[in-house]
Amino acid sequence: TEPTCTKAGVKTYTCANCGETKTEAIEALGHKMGAYHVTKEATCTEEGVETSECERCDHKETKAIAKKAHTPGEAKVEKEPTCTEAGKKVTRCTVCGVVLEEEVIGATGHTYDDGVVTKKATCTEAGVKTYTCTKC
């Protein structure tokens, strides 16, 4: 019998004069692995896979391909700052969307108008001038 990748074979000799036989083992061949080829591309969220196949049988071997680095996009304002609350600017990966960098945009503070007299002053009482923020 012929050897395979994992099993030894047997060679039989027969005497041409008397018909007596003798056998000897033939070592298993071992796998003959082909080149590795990518069967799953690596991304920034998952490892990839490379596979090699035996040229004589259906045996396969795999190895991992390391995750790729994130691909940063342009920083975008996701929350505009207001007079009293900070805003937020983020940079995300263009492939998976994970936040790579986050920047706080400080609150802008109030900007007041020239004010309006809401209570006139008298001889005995102070008046009141009310100012209104022009932003909020």
Foldseek 3Di string as FASTA:
>chain_A
DPAEQQGKDKDKDADPPPRDIDIDIHDHPHFQKDDWDWPAPAEQVGWTKIKIAGPGDGDIDIDTHDHDHFAKDDWAWPAPAEQQGWTKIFIAGPPPGDTPDIDIHDHPHFDWDPWDWPAPADPVGHTDTDIDGPGD
